[in-house]
Amino acid sequence: MTKTFDPSKFRKELTKSINGMSTGFNDPKDWISTGNYALNYLISGDFHKGIPLGKVSVFAGESGAGKSYICAGFIINEAQELDIFVVLVDSVNALVEVWLQNLNVDTSAEKLLKLNMSMIDDVAKTISNFVKDYKTDYGEKEPEERPKVLFVLDSLGMLSTNKEVEDASNDKNVRDMTKAQLIKSCFRILTLKLGKANVPMLVTNHTYDVIGSYVPAKEMGGGSGLKYSASTIVY
């Protein structure tokens, strides 16, 4: 009879020898409703489950489609009902406190932190540092005992790069070809870190018409990095 392989020693040695590595599955156990039963069902197959914790979710669309209305309004409100602290990153300077309060969002310092940021690198550094401190403070606790946090970025499409700012300062009207690479690098770094900490990130993004497409189609801005990093994309 063939002897069954015992992976316990191999698993132990792997996690000891490779820093930051973990084993096992990371299926979402907690969800935040979008505030809309139909939208929840389209995303998760469940009328009550919308945005999974520990994953990156994206709402993409044209201006005025309702991305901020859903993400910065309804979903933040639903998160606060579950005692989830919200870090709201505003890159468009358009999220007014009175508007959020009219959508029943609690804007008090105990419930929400609003950050005004314009650079891709700054967003990546801020979230990466947060996850590092979060793991230091709560990494030893069981997942259900850790305080829950939600990051909301509104919007990715309005973030700039150092090169873009430098070109504008030098009156150079050229397209920044590094932006897509920076976005890909950003989410390549953050996706696994957020998953390990069970911290979700909600991102709004712009769409544009695909030129030359035989069938009229829309595409997200920022390259393919976010497309492959996100677990859920809602157009």
Protein backbone atom coordinates (compact mmCIF):
# COMPACT_ATOMS: atom_id res chain seq x y z
CA MET A 1 0.00 0.00 0.00
CA THR A 2 1.38 3.41 -0.97
CA LYS A 3 2.24 5.61 1.99
CA THR A 4 0.30 8.89 2.17
CA PHE A 5 2.42 12.01 1.92
CA ASP A 6 2.42 14.17 5.06
CA PRO A 7 2.74 17.85 4.03
CA SER A 8 2.98 19.25 7.57
CA LYS A 9 6.80 19.46 7.65
CA PHE A 10 6.96 20.86 4.11
CA ARG A 11 4.29 23.46 4.94
CA LYS A 12 6.08 24.49 8.13
CA GLU A 13 9.47 24.84 6.42
CA LEU A 14 7.97 26.86 3.57
CA THR A 15 6.36 29.46 5.82
CA LYS A 16 9.56 29.73 7.88
CA SER A 17 11.95 30.10 4.95
CA ILE A 18 9.93 32.50 2.75
CA ASN A 19 9.02 35.77 4.41
CA GLY A 20 5.42 36.86 3.91
CA MET A 21 4.22 33.51 2.59
CA SER A 22 1.11 31.83 3.94
CA THR A 23 -0.72 28.60 3.12
CA GLY A 24 -4.35 27.65 2.63
CA PHE A 25 -7.31 29.28 0.94
CA ASN A 26 -8.54 32.80 1.61
CA ASP A 27 -12.22 32.66 0.72
CA PRO A 28 -14.16 35.76 1.83
CA LYS A 29 -16.20 35.20 4.98
CA ASP A 30 -17.53 38.74 5.41
CA TRP A 31 -19.33 40.90 2.86
CA ILE A 32 -20.59 44.46 2.59
CA SER A 33 -23.92 45.02 0.87
CA THR A 34 -24.09 47.56 -1.96
CA GLY A 35 -27.47 48.69 -0.67
CA ASN A 36 -29.15 47.16 -3.73
CA TYR A 37 -30.42 43.56 -3.77
CA ALA A 38 -30.18 43.18 -7.56
CA LEU A 39 -26.62 44.51 -7.65
CA ASN A 40 -25.61 42.24 -4.77
CA TYR A 41 -26.95 39.22 -6.64
CA LEU A 42 -25.16 40.18 -9.86
CA ILE A 43 -21.85 40.42 -7.99
CA SER A 44 -22.00 37.49 -5.59
CA GLY A 45 -25.04 35.38 -6.44
CA ASP A 46 -26.52 36.31 -3.05
CA PHE A 47 -29.07 39.07 -2.45
CA HIS A 48 -27.31 40.17 0.75
CA LYS A 49 -23.62 39.92 -0.25
CA GLY A 50 -22.00 42.66 -2.30
CA ILE A 51 -18.34 43.55 -1.71
CA PRO A 52 -16.12 40.81 -0.22
CA LEU A 53 -13.64 41.70 2.52
CA GLY A 54 -10.00 41.10 1.67
CA LYS A 55 -10.52 41.68 -2.07
CA VAL A 56 -10.21 44.54 -4.56
CA SER A 57 -13.52 45.54 -6.17
CA VAL A 58 -13.99 48.08 -8.97
CA PHE A 59 -16.94 50.16 -10.18
CA ALA A 60 -16.16 51.60 -13.62
CA GLY A 61 -18.22 53.87 -15.79
CA GLU A 62 -18.65 57.19 -17.52
CA SER A 63 -18.99 60.50 -15.70
CA GLY A 64 -22.39 60.71 -14.04
CA ALA A 65 -23.00 56.95 -14.13
CA GLY A 66 -23.32 56.81 -10.33
CA LYS A 67 -19.96 55.32 -9.28
CA SER A 68 -19.42 57.70 -6.35
CA TYR A 69 -23.11 57.56 -5.47
CA ILE A 70 -22.89 53.80 -4.94
CA CYS A 71 -19.36 53.51 -3.52
CA ALA A 72 -18.89 56.68 -1.45
CA GLY A 73 -22.55 56.73 -0.48
CA PHE A 74 -24.39 53.43 -0.21
CA ILE A 75 -21.49 51.03 0.36
CA ILE A 76 -19.79 53.24 2.95
CA ASN A 77 -23.11 53.57 4.75
CA GLU A 78 -23.58 49.78 4.71
CA ALA A 79 -20.00 49.29 5.96
CA GLN A 80 -20.54 51.65 8.87
CA GLU A 81 -23.68 49.72 9.82
CA LEU A 82 -21.34 46.73 10.28
CA ASP A 83 -18.92 48.82 12.41
CA ILE A 84 -16.32 48.89 9.65
CA PHE A 85 -14.02 51.91 9.76
CA VAL A 86 -13.70 53.64 6.37
CA VAL A 87 -10.63 55.28 4.85
CA LEU A 88 -11.89 57.38 1.94
CA VAL A 89 -9.23 58.51 -0.55
CA ASP A 90 -10.52 61.42 -2.65
CA SER A 91 -8.52 62.26 -5.78
CA VAL A 92 -11.16 64.41 -7.48
CA ASN A 93 -11.88 66.88 -4.63
CA ALA A 94 -15.57 66.35 -5.29
CA LEU A 95 -16.79 64.45 -2.21
CA VAL A 96 -18.58 67.07 -0.13
CA GLU A 97 -19.32 66.31 3.53
CA VAL A 98 -22.93 67.50 3.34
CA TRP A 99 -23.56 65.28 0.28
CA LEU A 100 -22.17 62.25 2.13
CA GLN A 101 -24.23 63.04 5.22
CA ASN A 102 -27.36 63.28 3.06
CA LEU A 103 -26.62 59.69 2.04
CA ASN A 104 -26.52 58.73 5.75
CA VAL A 105 -22.72 58.46 5.85
CA ASP A 106 -21.25 59.21 9.29
CA THR A 107 -18.36 61.59 8.60
CA SER A 108 -17.18 61.79 12.22
CA ALA A 109 -13.51 61.02 12.95
CA GLU A 110 -14.51 57.86 14.82
CA LYS A 111 -16.17 56.39 11.72
CA LEU A 112 -14.36 57.81 8.69
CA LEU A 113 -10.98 59.20 7.66
CA LYS A 114 -10.92 61.26 4.45
CA LEU A 115 -7.59 61.59 2.67
CA ASN A 116 -7.07 63.97 -0.25
CA MET A 117 -4.39 62.49 -2.52
CA SER A 118 -3.41 63.01 -6.13
CA MET A 119 -0.41 60.72 -6.75
CA ILE A 120 -0.45 56.99 -7.48
CA ASP A 121 2.76 56.41 -5.53
CA ASP A 122 1.34 58.15 -2.45
CA VAL A 123 -1.77 55.96 -2.44
CA ALA A 124 0.30 52.77 -2.74
CA LYS A 125 2.68 53.87 0.03
CA THR A 126 -0.14 54.92 2.36
CA ILE A 127 -2.06 51.66 2.05
CA SER A 128 1.09 49.53 2.20
CA ASN A 129 2.19 51.26 5.42
CA PHE A 130 -1.29 50.84 6.88
CA VAL A 131 -1.32 47.10 6.20
CA LYS A 132 2.14 46.76 7.77
CA ASP A 133 1.04 48.54 10.95
CA TYR A 134 -2.28 46.68 10.97
CA LYS A 135 -0.51 43.31 10.90
CA THR A 136 1.86 44.44 13.66
CA ASP A 137 -1.01 45.56 15.90
CA TYR A 138 -3.56 42.84 15.18
CA GLY A 139 -1.73 40.04 13.37
CA GLU A 140 -1.71 37.78 16.43
CA LYS A 141 -5.45 38.05 16.95
CA GLU A 142 -8.07 35.82 15.37
CA PRO A 143 -9.64 37.33 12.23
CA GLU A 144 -13.02 37.83 13.93
CA GLU A 145 -11.32 39.78 16.76
CA ARG A 146 -9.59 42.30 14.48
CA PRO A 147 -11.21 45.70 13.78
CA LYS A 148 -12.51 45.84 10.22
CA VAL A 149 -11.41 48.54 7.78
CA LEU A 150 -12.54 49.46 4.26
CA PHE A 151 -10.47 51.51 1.78
CA VAL A 152 -12.39 53.46 -0.87
CA LEU A 153 -10.49 55.17 -3.72
CA ASP A 154 -12.52 57.67 -5.73
CA SER A 155 -11.18 57.76 -8.32
CA LEU A 156 -8.24 55.89 -9.84
CA GLY A 157 -8.57 57.66 -13.17
CA MET A 158 -7.82 61.08 -11.64
CA LEU A 159 -4.55 60.05 -9.96
CA SER A 160 -1.37 61.51 -11.42
CA THR A 161 2.25 60.40 -11.69
CA ASN A 162 5.45 62.30 -10.89
CA LYS A 163 6.29 62.36 -14.61
CA GLU A 164 2.89 63.80 -15.49
CA VAL A 165 3.32 66.61 -12.94
CA GLU A 166 6.88 67.28 -14.12
CA ASP A 167 5.81 67.44 -17.78
CA ALA A 168 3.02 69.87 -16.91
CA SER A 169 5.49 72.08 -15.02
CA ASN A 170 7.76 72.12 -18.06
CA ASP A 171 4.90 72.89 -20.48
CA LYS A 172 5.26 69.51 -22.15
CA ASN A 173 1.97 68.36 -23.68
CA VAL A 174 2.83 64.66 -23.93
CA ARG A 175 1.11 61.49 -22.84
CA ASP A 176 2.53 59.75 -19.76
CA MET A 177 3.33 56.19 -20.87
CA THR A 178 4.43 55.16 -17.36
CA LYS A 179 1.03 55.53 -15.69
CA ALA A 180 -0.29 52.08 -16.63
CA GLN A 181 2.92 50.43 -15.36
CA LEU A 182 2.68 52.32 -12.05
CA ILE A 183 -0.94 51.29 -11.57
CA LYS A 184 -0.08 47.66 -12.31
CA SER A 185 2.83 47.79 -9.85
CA CYS A 186 0.64 49.42 -7.22
CA PHE A 187 -2.05 46.73 -7.28
CA ARG A 188 0.45 43.91 -7.70
CA ILE A 189 1.90 44.98 -4.36
CA LEU A 190 -1.35 45.74 -2.57
CA THR A 191 -3.68 42.90 -3.61
CA LEU A 192 -2.01 40.09 -1.65
CA LYS A 193 -1.25 42.36 1.33
CA LEU A 194 -4.88 43.43 1.60
CA GLY A 195 -6.01 39.83 1.27
CA LYS A 196 -3.81 38.65 4.13
CA ALA A 197 -5.10 41.46 6.36
CA ASN A 198 -8.71 40.81 5.22
CA VAL A 199 -9.03 44.49 4.30
CA PRO A 200 -11.15 45.27 1.21
CA MET A 201 -10.43 48.02 -1.27
CA LEU A 202 -13.16 49.62 -3.36
CA VAL A 203 -12.06 51.57 -6.45
CA THR A 204 -13.95 53.76 -8.89
CA ASN A 205 -12.50 54.17 -12.37
CA HIS A 206 -13.26 55.82 -15.68
CA THR A 207 -14.16 54.08 -18.93
CA TYR A 208 -13.55 55.12 -22.53
CA ASP A 209 -14.72 53.99 -25.96
CA VAL A 210 -12.52 51.39 -27.66
CA ILE A 211 -11.47 52.98 -30.94
CA GLY A 212 -11.66 50.69 -33.96
CA SER A 213 -13.74 48.02 -32.26
CA TYR A 214 -16.13 46.20 -34.63
CA VAL A 215 -18.73 46.14 -31.87
CA PRO A 216 -19.07 49.31 -29.70
CA ALA A 217 -17.24 48.58 -26.46
CA LYS A 218 -15.99 50.27 -23.30
CA GLU A 219 -12.66 49.78 -21.58
CA MET A 220 -11.31 50.84 -18.21
CA GLY A 221 -8.56 53.44 -18.09
CA GLY A 222 -5.18 52.76 -16.50
CA GLY A 223 -4.11 49.66 -18.41
CA SER A 224 -4.62 46.00 -17.56
CA GLY A 225 -3.12 46.00 -14.05
CA LEU A 226 -6.34 46.69 -12.17
CA LYS A 227 -8.34 44.44 -14.49
CA TYR A 228 -6.34 41.37 -13.43
CA SER A 229 -5.89 42.37 -9.78
CA ALA A 230 -9.54 42.98 -8.97
CA SER A 231 -11.79 40.12 -7.95
CA THR A 232 -14.92 42.02 -9.01
CA ILE A 233 -15.41 44.60 -11.76
CA VAL A 234 -18.79 46.25 -12.25
CA TYR A 235 -19.28 48.26 -15.43
